[in-house]
Amino acid sequence: MDNHWRSIVKAISWRVFATLVTFMVAYLLTREAIISIGIGFANATIKIFAFYSHERLWNKIGFGKKMVEENYIT
């Protein structure tokens, strides 16, 4: 299971990349840098929290995970 900090770093790194893609698409459609920056910023702000929540939710779901029995020798 990923800890909270790993999930936060993953969310931020993905958002940086995805925001650049969103900015480029918005700029191609509008040819307005300020509008494109606004769209990219709004997109990043909303989706970083959505991604983090989604990631933490999936950590609680057992689907596709294999249970590993831990053997400790004392």
C-alpha atoms as a PDB file:
ATOM      1  CA  MET A   1       0.000   0.000   0.000  1.00  0.00           C
ATOM      2  CA  ASP A   2       1.304   3.449  -0.868  1.00  0.00           C
ATOM      3  CA  ASN A   3       1.650   5.846   2.021  1.00  0.00           C
ATOM      4  CA  HIS A   4       0.034   9.288   1.951  1.00  0.00           C
ATOM      5  CA  TRP A   5       3.223  11.145   0.924  1.00  0.00           C
ATOM      6  CA  ARG A   6       3.791   8.830  -2.051  1.00  0.00           C
ATOM      7  CA  SER A   7       0.213   9.408  -3.166  1.00  0.00           C
ATOM      8  CA  ILE A   8       0.679  13.177  -2.819  1.00  0.00           C
ATOM      9  CA  VAL A   9       3.912  13.184  -4.859  1.00  0.00           C
ATOM     10  CA  LYS A  10       2.334  10.981  -7.549  1.00  0.00           C
ATOM     11  CA  ALA A  11      -0.672  13.288  -7.740  1.00  0.00           C
ATOM     12  CA  ILE A  12       1.493  16.405  -8.048  1.00  0.00           C
ATOM     13  CA  SER A  13       3.838  14.963 -10.685  1.00  0.00           C
ATOM     14  CA  TRP A  14       0.928  13.742 -12.781  1.00  0.00           C
ATOM     15  CA  ARG A  15      -0.867  17.068 -12.458  1.00  0.00           C
ATOM     16  CA  VAL A  16       2.181  19.024 -13.646  1.00  0.00           C
ATOM     17  CA  PHE A  17       2.383  16.895 -16.780  1.00  0.00           C
ATOM     18  CA  ALA A  18      -1.376  16.832 -17.383  1.00  0.00           C
ATOM     19  CA  THR A  19      -1.658  20.600 -16.813  1.00  0.00           C
ATOM     20  CA  LEU A  20       0.940  21.234 -19.512  1.00  0.00           C
ATOM     21  CA  VAL A  21      -1.070  19.059 -21.891  1.00  0.00           C
ATOM     22  CA  THR A  22      -4.292  20.900 -20.959  1.00  0.00           C
ATOM     23  CA  PHE A  23      -2.586  24.262 -21.455  1.00  0.00           C
ATOM     24  CA  MET A  24      -1.326  23.234 -24.902  1.00  0.00           C
ATOM     25  CA  VAL A  25      -4.743  21.985 -26.017  1.00  0.00           C
ATOM     26  CA  ALA A  26      -6.479  25.102 -24.668  1.00  0.00           C
ATOM     27  CA  TYR A  27      -3.936  27.316 -26.408  1.00  0.00           C
ATOM     28  CA  LEU A  28      -4.393  25.492 -29.717  1.00  0.00           C
ATOM     29  CA  LEU A  29      -8.152  26.026 -29.446  1.00  0.00           C
ATOM     30  CA  THR A  30      -8.196  29.624 -28.157  1.00  0.00           C
ATOM     31  CA  ARG A  31      -4.839  31.111 -29.217  1.00  0.00           C
ATOM     32  CA  GLU A  32      -5.073  33.063 -25.932  1.00  0.00           C
ATOM     33  CA  ALA A  33      -2.252  32.444 -23.460  1.00  0.00           C
ATOM     34  CA  ILE A  34      -4.013  34.001 -20.440  1.00  0.00           C
ATOM     35  CA  ILE A  35      -7.204  32.021 -20.995  1.00  0.00           C
ATOM     36  CA  SER A  36      -5.166  28.855 -21.536  1.00  0.00           C
ATOM     37  CA  ILE A  37      -3.233  29.412 -18.305  1.00  0.00           C
ATOM     38  CA  GLY A  38      -6.518  29.936 -16.437  1.00  0.00           C
ATOM     39  CA  ILE A  39      -7.963  26.740 -17.876  1.00  0.00           C
ATOM     40  CA  GLY A  40      -4.789  24.826 -16.982  1.00  0.00           C
ATOM     41  CA  PHE A  41      -4.736  26.204 -13.432  1.00  0.00           C
ATOM     42  CA  ALA A  42      -8.435  25.490 -12.800  1.00  0.00           C
ATOM     43  CA  ASN A  43      -8.046  21.994 -14.218  1.00  0.00           C
ATOM     44  CA  ALA A  44      -5.012  21.267 -12.009  1.00  0.00           C
ATOM     45  CA  THR A  45      -6.576  22.663  -8.852  1.00  0.00           C
ATOM     46  CA  ILE A  46      -9.716  20.572  -9.147  1.00  0.00           C
ATOM     47  CA  LYS A  47      -8.162  17.372 -10.426  1.00  0.00           C
ATOM     48  CA  ILE A  48      -5.256  17.097  -7.991  1.00  0.00           C
ATOM     49  CA  PHE A  49      -7.744  16.640  -5.150  1.00  0.00           C
ATOM     50  CA  ALA A  50      -9.855  14.281  -7.246  1.00  0.00           C
ATOM     51  CA  PHE A  51      -6.809  12.143  -8.117  1.00  0.00           C
ATOM     52  CA  TYR A  52      -5.612  11.955  -4.511  1.00  0.00           C
ATOM     53  CA  SER A  53      -9.077  10.901  -3.339  1.00  0.00           C
ATOM     54  CA  HIS A  54      -9.321   8.327  -6.113  1.00  0.00           C
ATOM     55  CA  GLU A  55      -5.872   6.919  -5.270  1.00  0.00           C
ATOM     56  CA  ARG A  56      -6.654   6.600  -1.561  1.00  0.00           C
ATOM     57  CA  LEU A  57     -10.007   4.963  -2.305  1.00  0.00           C
ATOM     58  CA  TRP A  58      -8.352   2.351  -4.534  1.00  0.00           C
ATOM     59  CA  ASN A  59      -5.898   1.546  -1.739  1.00  0.00           C
ATOM     60  CA  LYS A  60      -8.882   0.409   0.327  1.00  0.00           C
ATOM     61  CA  ILE A  61     -10.307  -1.826  -2.398  1.00  0.00           C
ATOM     62  CA  GLY A  62      -8.997  -5.386  -2.485  1.00  0.00           C
ATOM     63  CA  PHE A  63      -9.763  -5.931  -6.179  1.00  0.00           C
ATOM     64  CA  GLY A  64      -6.730  -7.362  -7.981  1.00  0.00           C
ATOM     65  CA  LYS A  65      -4.505  -7.468  -4.906  1.00  0.00           C
ATOM     66  CA  LYS A  66      -2.837 -10.614  -3.686  1.00  0.00           C
ATOM     67  CA  MET A  67      -2.806 -11.224   0.024  1.00  0.00           C
ATOM     68  CA  VAL A  68       0.690 -12.009   1.281  1.00  0.00           C
ATOM     69  CA  GLU A  69       1.075 -13.748   4.585  1.00  0.00           C
ATOM     70  CA  GLU A  70       3.890 -12.308   6.647  1.00  0.00           C
ATOM     71  CA  ASN A  71       6.072 -14.788   8.482  1.00  0.00           C
ATOM     72  CA  TYR A  72       8.107 -13.397  11.322  1.00  0.00           C
ATOM     73  CA  ILE A  73      10.650 -15.490  13.115  1.00  0.00           C
ATOM     74  CA  THR A  74      11.076 -14.361  16.695  1.00  0.00           C
END
